[in-house]
Amino acid sequence: MKTFARCIGGFALGWLIYMVAMVLTAYDGVLSLIFQPIMAALFSGLFVGAAFVAGLPLRAPKIRKAWSGVGWWALLISLAAIGVLIFHKNLGLEVEGINPETHEKVKMISPLAGVLTYFFAIFPIVNFPPKKASQTEQTTPGLTSVVKEKNPTR
C-alpha cells in the first residue's frame, strides 16, 4: 500500500510539473485545456513506471539498508530537479529550437535536461526511502523473523 501511495504522490507531482510547464508555454485555447491534462497524465504515468523500475535495485537488502539511511534528504533530489527546471536559463541549459508550425525560433530547456530533471523530480517520491525500523532481526536456520523491541530501557 505504501508503494502505491508513493506512486500516486509521484504521479501528482509529475502531473503538476507538466501542467505548469504547459500553461506557461503552450496555451492554444479550449482544446489545450482538454488534451493537456490527458497528456500530463500519460507522461506522468510513464515516468512513474520508469522511476519504479529504475528503483527496483533499491529494494535489495544491502542497498535498501543504505538507502533507508538517506531518509528525508532524498527529497533534496526532487527539489534540486525542480530548481533546475525553474532556473535552467541561468544554468546555461537553454537551447534554441524551431516551432514546427510557425517556423519561429523559440528558446527552451535542453530536451535531455528536461527529461532528466522531470525524471529526477519524480524518482525520489516513488522510491522514497523506508524508515529505519527500531527492530532487531533474529535469524534461526531456515527462518527469519522480526521482533519489535518493547520498552528497550526497562
N, C-alpha and C. Protein backbone atom coordinates (compact mmCIF):
# COMPACT_ATOMS: atom_id res chain seq x y z
N MET A 1 0.82 -1.20 0.00
CA MET A 1 0.00 0.00 0.00
C MET A 1 0.86 1.26 0.00
N LYS A 2 1.99 1.22 0.74
CA LYS A 2 2.86 2.38 0.79
C LYS A 2 3.45 2.68 -0.59
N THR A 3 3.78 1.62 -1.32
CA THR A 3 4.33 1.81 -2.66
C THR A 3 3.31 2.48 -3.56
N PHE A 4 2.06 2.06 -3.46
CA PHE A 4 1.00 2.65 -4.27
C PHE A 4 0.83 4.13 -3.93
N ALA A 5 0.87 4.46 -2.64
CA ALA A 5 0.73 5.86 -2.21
C ALA A 5 1.91 6.70 -2.73
N ARG A 6 3.10 6.14 -2.71
CA ARG A 6 4.26 6.87 -3.24
C ARG A 6 4.13 7.07 -4.75
N CYS A 7 3.62 6.07 -5.44
CA CYS A 7 3.41 6.20 -6.88
C CYS A 7 2.36 7.28 -7.18
N ILE A 8 1.31 7.34 -6.38
CA ILE A 8 0.30 8.39 -6.55
C ILE A 8 0.93 9.76 -6.30
N GLY A 9 1.77 9.87 -5.28
CA GLY A 9 2.46 11.13 -5.00
C GLY A 9 3.37 11.54 -6.13
N GLY A 10 4.13 10.59 -6.68
CA GLY A 10 4.99 10.88 -7.83
C GLY A 10 4.19 11.28 -9.05
N PHE A 11 3.06 10.60 -9.26
CA PHE A 11 2.18 10.92 -10.38
C PHE A 11 1.64 12.34 -10.23
N ALA A 12 1.19 12.70 -9.03
CA ALA A 12 0.64 14.04 -8.79
C ALA A 12 1.69 15.12 -9.02
N LEU A 13 2.91 14.88 -8.54
CA LEU A 13 3.98 15.86 -8.75
C LEU A 13 4.30 15.98 -10.24
N GLY A 14 4.41 14.86 -10.94
CA GLY A 14 4.69 14.90 -12.37
C GLY A 14 3.60 15.61 -13.15
N TRP A 15 2.35 15.33 -12.79
CA TRP A 15 1.22 15.97 -13.46
C TRP A 15 1.26 17.48 -13.23
N LEU A 16 1.54 17.89 -12.01
CA LEU A 16 1.60 19.32 -11.68
C LEU A 16 2.73 20.02 -12.44
N ILE A 17 3.91 19.41 -12.47
CA ILE A 17 5.04 20.00 -13.20
C ILE A 17 4.69 20.14 -14.67
N TYR A 18 4.13 19.10 -15.26
CA TYR A 18 3.76 19.13 -16.68
C TYR A 18 2.75 20.23 -16.95
N MET A 19 1.72 20.33 -16.12
CA MET A 19 0.67 21.32 -16.35
C MET A 19 1.20 22.74 -16.19
N VAL A 20 2.05 22.98 -15.21
CA VAL A 20 2.63 24.32 -15.05
C VAL A 20 3.45 24.66 -16.27
N ALA A 21 4.25 23.72 -16.74
CA ALA A 21 5.08 23.96 -17.93
C ALA A 21 4.20 24.25 -19.15
N MET A 22 3.12 23.53 -19.32
CA MET A 22 2.26 23.74 -20.49
C MET A 22 1.50 25.06 -20.40
N VAL A 23 1.04 25.41 -19.22
CA VAL A 23 0.33 26.69 -19.07
C VAL A 23 1.27 27.85 -19.37
N LEU A 24 2.53 27.71 -18.99
CA LEU A 24 3.49 28.79 -19.22
C LEU A 24 3.99 28.86 -20.66
N THR A 25 3.80 27.79 -21.43
CA THR A 25 4.40 27.79 -22.78
C THR A 25 3.43 27.56 -23.93
N ALA A 26 2.43 26.71 -23.76
CA ALA A 26 1.70 26.26 -24.96
C ALA A 26 0.19 26.33 -24.82
N TYR A 27 -0.35 27.44 -24.42
CA TYR A 27 -1.80 27.55 -24.35
C TYR A 27 -2.33 27.83 -25.75
N ASP A 28 -3.17 26.93 -26.26
CA ASP A 28 -3.72 27.06 -27.61
C ASP A 28 -5.23 27.10 -27.60
N GLY A 29 -5.83 27.55 -26.53
CA GLY A 29 -7.27 27.65 -26.49
C GLY A 29 -7.92 26.49 -25.76
N VAL A 30 -9.20 26.30 -26.06
CA VAL A 30 -10.01 25.32 -25.35
C VAL A 30 -9.50 23.89 -25.55
N LEU A 31 -9.04 23.56 -26.74
CA LEU A 31 -8.55 22.19 -26.98
C LEU A 31 -7.37 21.85 -26.08
N SER A 32 -6.49 22.82 -25.84
CA SER A 32 -5.35 22.53 -24.97
C SER A 32 -5.82 22.32 -23.53
N LEU A 33 -6.91 22.96 -23.14
CA LEU A 33 -7.44 22.74 -21.80
C LEU A 33 -7.99 21.33 -21.65
N ILE A 34 -8.40 20.72 -22.77
CA ILE A 34 -8.94 19.37 -22.74
C ILE A 34 -7.82 18.33 -22.85
N PHE A 35 -6.91 18.52 -23.80
CA PHE A 35 -5.91 17.49 -24.08
C PHE A 35 -4.66 17.55 -23.21
N GLN A 36 -4.27 18.72 -22.74
CA GLN A 36 -3.04 18.80 -21.95
C GLN A 36 -3.13 18.03 -20.63
N PRO A 37 -4.25 18.06 -19.90
CA PRO A 37 -4.32 17.21 -18.70
C PRO A 37 -4.20 15.72 -19.01
N ILE A 38 -4.73 15.31 -20.16
CA ILE A 38 -4.61 13.90 -20.56
C ILE A 38 -3.16 13.57 -20.88
N MET A 39 -2.48 14.45 -21.61
CA MET A 39 -1.07 14.24 -21.92
C MET A 39 -0.23 14.26 -20.65
N ALA A 40 -0.57 15.15 -19.72
CA ALA A 40 0.14 15.21 -18.44
C ALA A 40 0.00 13.89 -17.70
N ALA A 41 -1.20 13.31 -17.73
CA ALA A 41 -1.42 12.03 -17.06
C ALA A 41 -0.63 10.91 -17.74
N LEU A 42 -0.60 10.91 -19.06
CA LEU A 42 0.15 9.88 -19.79
C LEU A 42 1.65 9.97 -19.49
N PHE A 43 2.21 11.18 -19.59
CA PHE A 43 3.64 11.34 -19.34
C PHE A 43 3.98 11.06 -17.87
N SER A 44 3.15 11.51 -16.96
CA SER A 44 3.40 11.26 -15.54
C SER A 44 3.36 9.76 -15.25
N GLY A 45 2.38 9.08 -15.80
CA GLY A 45 2.29 7.64 -15.62
C GLY A 45 3.50 6.91 -16.18
N LEU A 46 3.94 7.32 -17.36
CA LEU A 46 5.12 6.72 -17.98
C LEU A 46 6.36 6.93 -17.10
N PHE A 47 6.54 8.14 -16.59
CA PHE A 47 7.71 8.44 -15.78
C PHE A 47 7.63 7.79 -14.40
N VAL A 48 6.45 7.66 -13.84
CA VAL A 48 6.30 6.94 -12.56
C VAL A 48 6.69 5.48 -12.76
N GLY A 49 6.23 4.89 -13.85
CA GLY A 49 6.60 3.50 -14.16
C GLY A 49 8.10 3.34 -14.34
N ALA A 50 8.71 4.27 -15.06
CA ALA A 50 10.16 4.22 -15.27
C ALA A 50 10.91 4.41 -13.95
N ALA A 51 10.43 5.31 -13.11
CA ALA A 51 11.08 5.54 -11.81
C ALA A 51 10.94 4.31 -10.92
N PHE A 52 9.78 3.66 -10.98
CA PHE A 52 9.56 2.45 -10.17
C PHE A 52 10.52 1.35 -10.60
N VAL A 53 10.63 1.13 -11.91
CA VAL A 53 11.51 0.08 -12.43
C VAL A 53 12.97 0.42 -12.13
N ALA A 54 13.35 1.68 -12.32
CA ALA A 54 14.73 2.09 -12.03
C ALA A 54 15.05 1.96 -10.55
N GLY A 55 14.04 2.05 -9.69
CA GLY A 55 14.25 1.96 -8.25
C GLY A 55 14.19 0.54 -7.70
N LEU A 56 13.92 -0.45 -8.53
CA LEU A 56 13.85 -1.83 -8.04
C LEU A 56 15.15 -2.29 -7.37
N PRO A 57 16.33 -1.93 -7.89
CA PRO A 57 17.56 -2.33 -7.18
C PRO A 57 17.65 -1.77 -5.76
N LEU A 58 16.96 -0.69 -5.47
CA LEU A 58 16.98 -0.12 -4.13
C LEU A 58 16.26 -1.01 -3.12
N ARG A 59 15.56 -2.02 -3.59
CA ARG A 59 14.84 -2.92 -2.70
C ARG A 59 15.67 -4.13 -2.29
N ALA A 60 16.87 -4.28 -2.88
CA ALA A 60 17.77 -5.36 -2.46
C ALA A 60 18.21 -5.07 -1.02
N PRO A 61 18.35 -6.10 -0.18
CA PRO A 61 18.57 -5.88 1.24
C PRO A 61 19.72 -4.93 1.60
N LYS A 62 20.90 -5.12 1.04
CA LYS A 62 22.03 -4.27 1.41
C LYS A 62 21.86 -2.84 0.89
N ILE A 63 21.35 -2.72 -0.32
CA ILE A 63 21.13 -1.38 -0.88
C ILE A 63 19.98 -0.70 -0.15
N ARG A 64 18.97 -1.47 0.21
CA ARG A 64 17.82 -0.92 0.95
C ARG A 64 18.27 -0.34 2.30
N LYS A 65 19.18 -1.04 2.96
CA LYS A 65 19.68 -0.56 4.25
C LYS A 65 20.39 0.78 4.08
N ALA A 66 21.22 0.90 3.05
CA ALA A 66 21.92 2.16 2.80
C ALA A 66 20.94 3.26 2.38
N TRP A 67 19.98 2.91 1.52
CA TRP A 67 19.01 3.89 1.02
C TRP A 67 18.11 4.38 2.16
N SER A 68 17.77 3.50 3.10
CA SER A 68 16.91 3.92 4.21
C SER A 68 17.63 4.92 5.12
N GLY A 69 18.94 4.92 5.10
CA GLY A 69 19.70 5.89 5.88
C GLY A 69 19.61 7.30 5.33
N VAL A 70 19.23 7.43 4.09
CA VAL A 70 19.12 8.74 3.45
C VAL A 70 17.94 9.52 4.03
N GLY A 71 16.84 8.81 4.28
CA GLY A 71 15.66 9.44 4.88
C GLY A 71 15.09 10.58 4.05
N TRP A 72 14.69 11.63 4.76
CA TRP A 72 14.04 12.77 4.12
C TRP A 72 14.98 13.55 3.21
N TRP A 73 16.28 13.33 3.31
CA TRP A 73 17.23 14.03 2.46
C TRP A 73 17.03 13.66 0.99
N ALA A 74 16.38 12.55 0.71
CA ALA A 74 16.12 12.15 -0.68
C ALA A 74 15.28 13.20 -1.40
N LEU A 75 14.46 13.92 -0.63
CA LEU A 75 13.62 14.95 -1.26
C LEU A 75 14.46 16.09 -1.84
N LEU A 76 15.70 16.22 -1.38
CA LEU A 76 16.58 17.24 -1.97
C LEU A 76 16.83 16.97 -3.45
N ILE A 77 16.82 15.71 -3.84
CA ILE A 77 16.97 15.36 -5.26
C ILE A 77 15.80 15.95 -6.04
N SER A 78 14.60 15.77 -5.51
CA SER A 78 13.40 16.33 -6.15
C SER A 78 13.46 17.85 -6.21
N LEU A 79 13.81 18.45 -5.10
CA LEU A 79 13.88 19.92 -5.06
C LEU A 79 14.95 20.45 -6.00
N ALA A 80 16.09 19.77 -6.07
CA ALA A 80 17.15 20.20 -6.98
C ALA A 80 16.68 20.09 -8.44
N ALA A 81 15.99 19.02 -8.76
CA ALA A 81 15.49 18.84 -10.13
C ALA A 81 14.48 19.92 -10.49
N ILE A 82 13.59 20.23 -9.55
CA ILE A 82 12.60 21.29 -9.80
C ILE A 82 13.32 22.63 -9.93
N GLY A 83 14.35 22.84 -9.12
CA GLY A 83 15.15 24.07 -9.22
C GLY A 83 15.82 24.21 -10.58
N VAL A 84 16.33 23.10 -11.11
CA VAL A 84 16.94 23.13 -12.45
C VAL A 84 15.89 23.46 -13.50
N LEU A 85 14.69 22.89 -13.36
CA LEU A 85 13.62 23.21 -14.31
C LEU A 85 13.27 24.69 -14.28
N ILE A 86 13.28 25.27 -13.09
CA ILE A 86 12.92 26.68 -12.96
C ILE A 86 14.05 27.59 -13.45
N PHE A 87 15.29 27.27 -13.07
CA PHE A 87 16.41 28.16 -13.35
C PHE A 87 17.31 27.66 -14.48
N HIS A 88 16.76 26.88 -15.41
CA HIS A 88 17.57 26.31 -16.49
C HIS A 88 18.27 27.39 -17.32
N LYS A 89 17.64 28.52 -17.50
CA LYS A 89 18.25 29.58 -18.31
C LYS A 89 19.52 30.08 -17.64
N ASN A 90 19.47 30.30 -16.33
CA ASN A 90 20.63 30.79 -15.59
C ASN A 90 21.74 29.75 -15.52
N LEU A 91 21.38 28.48 -15.64
CA LEU A 91 22.36 27.39 -15.56
C LEU A 91 22.95 27.05 -16.93
N GLY A 92 22.55 27.75 -17.97
CA GLY A 92 23.09 27.50 -19.30
C GLY A 92 22.49 26.29 -19.98
N LEU A 93 21.31 25.88 -19.59
CA LEU A 93 20.67 24.72 -20.18
C LEU A 93 19.60 25.08 -21.20
N GLU A 94 19.63 26.33 -21.65
CA GLU A 94 18.64 26.78 -22.62
C GLU A 94 19.20 26.60 -24.03
N VAL A 95 18.36 26.07 -24.91
CA VAL A 95 18.74 25.89 -26.31
C VAL A 95 17.69 26.58 -27.18
N GLU A 96 18.05 26.76 -28.43
CA GLU A 96 17.12 27.37 -29.37
C GLU A 96 16.53 26.29 -30.25
N GLY A 97 15.21 26.27 -30.31
CA GLY A 97 14.51 25.31 -31.15
C GLY A 97 13.65 26.04 -32.16
N ILE A 98 13.02 25.27 -33.02
CA ILE A 98 12.15 25.86 -34.04
C ILE A 98 10.75 25.30 -33.87
N ASN A 99 9.77 26.19 -33.78
CA ASN A 99 8.38 25.78 -33.70
C ASN A 99 8.00 25.15 -35.03
N PRO A 100 7.56 23.89 -35.05
CA PRO A 100 7.27 23.21 -36.32
C PRO A 100 6.11 23.81 -37.10
N GLU A 101 5.20 24.51 -36.41
CA GLU A 101 4.05 25.08 -37.11
C GLU A 101 4.34 26.47 -37.67
N THR A 102 5.00 27.30 -36.86
CA THR A 102 5.23 28.69 -37.28
C THR A 102 6.63 28.91 -37.83
N HIS A 103 7.51 27.94 -37.65
CA HIS A 103 8.92 28.01 -38.06
C HIS A 103 9.65 29.18 -37.41
N GLU A 104 9.18 29.61 -36.26
CA GLU A 104 9.84 30.66 -35.49
C GLU A 104 10.82 30.02 -34.52
N LYS A 105 11.88 30.74 -34.20
CA LYS A 105 12.83 30.26 -33.21
C LYS A 105 12.25 30.48 -31.82
N VAL A 106 12.38 29.46 -30.99
CA VAL A 106 11.92 29.55 -29.61
C VAL A 106 13.05 29.08 -28.69
N LYS A 107 13.12 29.68 -27.51
CA LYS A 107 14.11 29.25 -26.53
C LYS A 107 13.43 28.31 -25.56
N MET A 108 14.14 27.21 -25.22
CA MET A 108 13.56 26.18 -24.36
C MET A 108 14.67 25.48 -23.60
N ILE A 109 14.28 24.70 -22.61
CA ILE A 109 15.26 23.91 -21.88
C ILE A 109 15.77 22.80 -22.81
N SER A 110 17.03 22.45 -22.64
CA SER A 110 17.60 21.36 -23.42
C SER A 110 16.73 20.11 -23.24
N PRO A 111 16.38 19.42 -24.32
CA PRO A 111 15.50 18.25 -24.18
C PRO A 111 16.04 17.20 -23.21
N LEU A 112 17.34 16.93 -23.26
CA LEU A 112 17.92 15.95 -22.35
C LEU A 112 17.80 16.42 -20.91
N ALA A 113 18.10 17.69 -20.67
CA ALA A 113 17.99 18.24 -19.31
C ALA A 113 16.54 18.22 -18.85
N GLY A 114 15.60 18.51 -19.72
CA GLY A 114 14.19 18.50 -19.36
C GLY A 114 13.71 17.12 -18.95
N VAL A 115 14.08 16.12 -19.74
CA VAL A 115 13.65 14.74 -19.44
C VAL A 115 14.30 14.25 -18.14
N LEU A 116 15.60 14.49 -17.99
CA LEU A 116 16.30 14.02 -16.79
C LEU A 116 15.80 14.71 -15.52
N THR A 117 15.59 16.01 -15.58
CA THR A 117 15.11 16.70 -14.38
C THR A 117 13.68 16.29 -14.05
N TYR A 118 12.86 16.06 -15.05
CA TYR A 118 11.49 15.57 -14.80
C TYR A 118 11.55 14.20 -14.12
N PHE A 119 12.42 13.33 -14.61
CA PHE A 119 12.59 12.01 -14.02
C PHE A 119 13.09 12.10 -12.58
N PHE A 120 14.12 12.94 -12.35
CA PHE A 120 14.69 13.04 -11.01
C PHE A 120 13.81 13.82 -10.04
N ALA A 121 12.83 14.52 -10.53
CA ALA A 121 11.85 15.13 -9.64
C ALA A 121 10.88 14.06 -9.12
N ILE A 122 10.58 13.07 -9.96
CA ILE A 122 9.62 12.03 -9.61
C ILE A 122 10.27 10.85 -8.88
N PHE A 123 11.49 10.50 -9.24
CA PHE A 123 12.17 9.31 -8.71
C PHE A 123 12.19 9.22 -7.18
N PRO A 124 12.62 10.27 -6.47
CA PRO A 124 12.68 10.14 -5.00
C PRO A 124 11.31 10.01 -4.34
N ILE A 125 10.28 10.50 -5.00
CA ILE A 125 8.94 10.37 -4.43
C ILE A 125 8.46 8.92 -4.56
N VAL A 126 8.63 8.36 -5.74
CA VAL A 126 8.21 6.98 -5.99
C VAL A 126 9.04 5.98 -5.18
N ASN A 127 10.32 6.27 -5.01
CA ASN A 127 11.23 5.37 -4.30
C ASN A 127 11.68 5.96 -2.98
N PHE A 128 10.75 6.59 -2.29
CA PHE A 128 11.11 7.24 -1.02
C PHE A 128 11.70 6.20 -0.07
N PRO A 129 12.82 6.54 0.59
CA PRO A 129 13.48 5.56 1.46
C PRO A 129 12.58 5.10 2.60
N PRO A 130 12.61 3.80 2.89
CA PRO A 130 11.81 3.30 4.01
C PRO A 130 12.39 3.79 5.34
N LYS A 131 11.57 3.82 6.35
CA LYS A 131 12.04 4.24 7.67
C LYS A 131 12.99 3.18 8.21
N LYS A 132 13.99 3.66 8.94
CA LYS A 132 14.84 2.72 9.66
C LYS A 132 14.05 2.24 10.86
N ALA A 133 13.75 0.97 10.87
CA ALA A 133 12.92 0.43 11.95
C ALA A 133 13.76 0.20 13.20
N SER A 134 13.16 0.40 14.34
CA SER A 134 13.84 0.08 15.59
C SER A 134 13.49 -1.36 15.93
N GLN A 135 13.86 -2.20 14.99
CA GLN A 135 13.56 -3.62 15.12
C GLN A 135 14.86 -4.40 15.11
N THR A 136 14.91 -5.48 15.83
CA THR A 136 16.07 -6.35 15.77
C THR A 136 15.67 -7.58 14.98
N GLU A 137 16.58 -8.03 14.19
CA GLU A 137 16.28 -9.19 13.35
C GLU A 137 16.88 -10.43 13.99
N GLN A 138 16.08 -11.44 14.22
CA GLN A 138 16.56 -12.68 14.78
C GLN A 138 16.51 -13.73 13.69
N THR A 139 17.60 -14.44 13.53
CA THR A 139 17.68 -15.43 12.48
C THR A 139 17.84 -16.82 13.09
N THR A 140 17.03 -17.74 12.64
CA THR A 140 17.17 -19.15 13.00
C THR A 140 17.35 -19.90 11.70
N PRO A 141 17.93 -21.07 11.74
CA PRO A 141 18.17 -21.80 10.48
C PRO A 141 16.88 -21.96 9.67
N GLY A 142 16.89 -21.38 8.48
CA GLY A 142 15.77 -21.52 7.56
C GLY A 142 14.60 -20.59 7.85
N LEU A 143 14.70 -19.75 8.88
CA LEU A 143 13.58 -18.89 9.25
C LEU A 143 14.12 -17.55 9.72
N THR A 144 13.55 -16.48 9.21
CA THR A 144 13.91 -15.14 9.66
C THR A 144 12.66 -14.50 10.21
N SER A 145 12.76 -13.95 11.40
CA SER A 145 11.62 -13.26 11.97
C SER A 145 12.05 -11.91 12.48
N VAL A 146 11.12 -11.00 12.53
CA VAL A 146 11.39 -9.66 13.02
C VAL A 146 10.65 -9.50 14.34
N VAL A 147 11.39 -9.10 15.37
CA VAL A 147 10.80 -8.92 16.68
C VAL A 147 10.93 -7.46 17.06
N LYS A 148 9.81 -6.81 17.40
CA LYS A 148 9.85 -5.43 17.83
C LYS A 148 10.26 -5.38 19.29
N GLU A 149 11.16 -4.45 19.58
CA GLU A 149 11.59 -4.28 20.96
C GLU A 149 10.53 -3.53 21.73
N LYS A 150 10.15 -4.05 22.88
CA LYS A 150 9.18 -3.37 23.73
C LYS A 150 9.94 -2.75 24.90
N ASN A 151 9.80 -1.44 25.03
CA ASN A 151 10.45 -0.71 26.12
C ASN A 151 11.89 -1.16 26.33
N PRO A 152 12.80 -0.85 25.38
CA PRO A 152 14.16 -1.34 25.48
C PRO A 152 14.90 -0.82 26.71
N THR A 153 14.41 0.22 27.37
CA THR A 153 15.10 0.75 28.54
C THR A 153 14.72 0.01 29.81
N ARG A 154 13.66 -0.75 29.79
CA ARG A 154 13.22 -1.47 31.00
C ARG A 154 13.74 -2.86 31.02
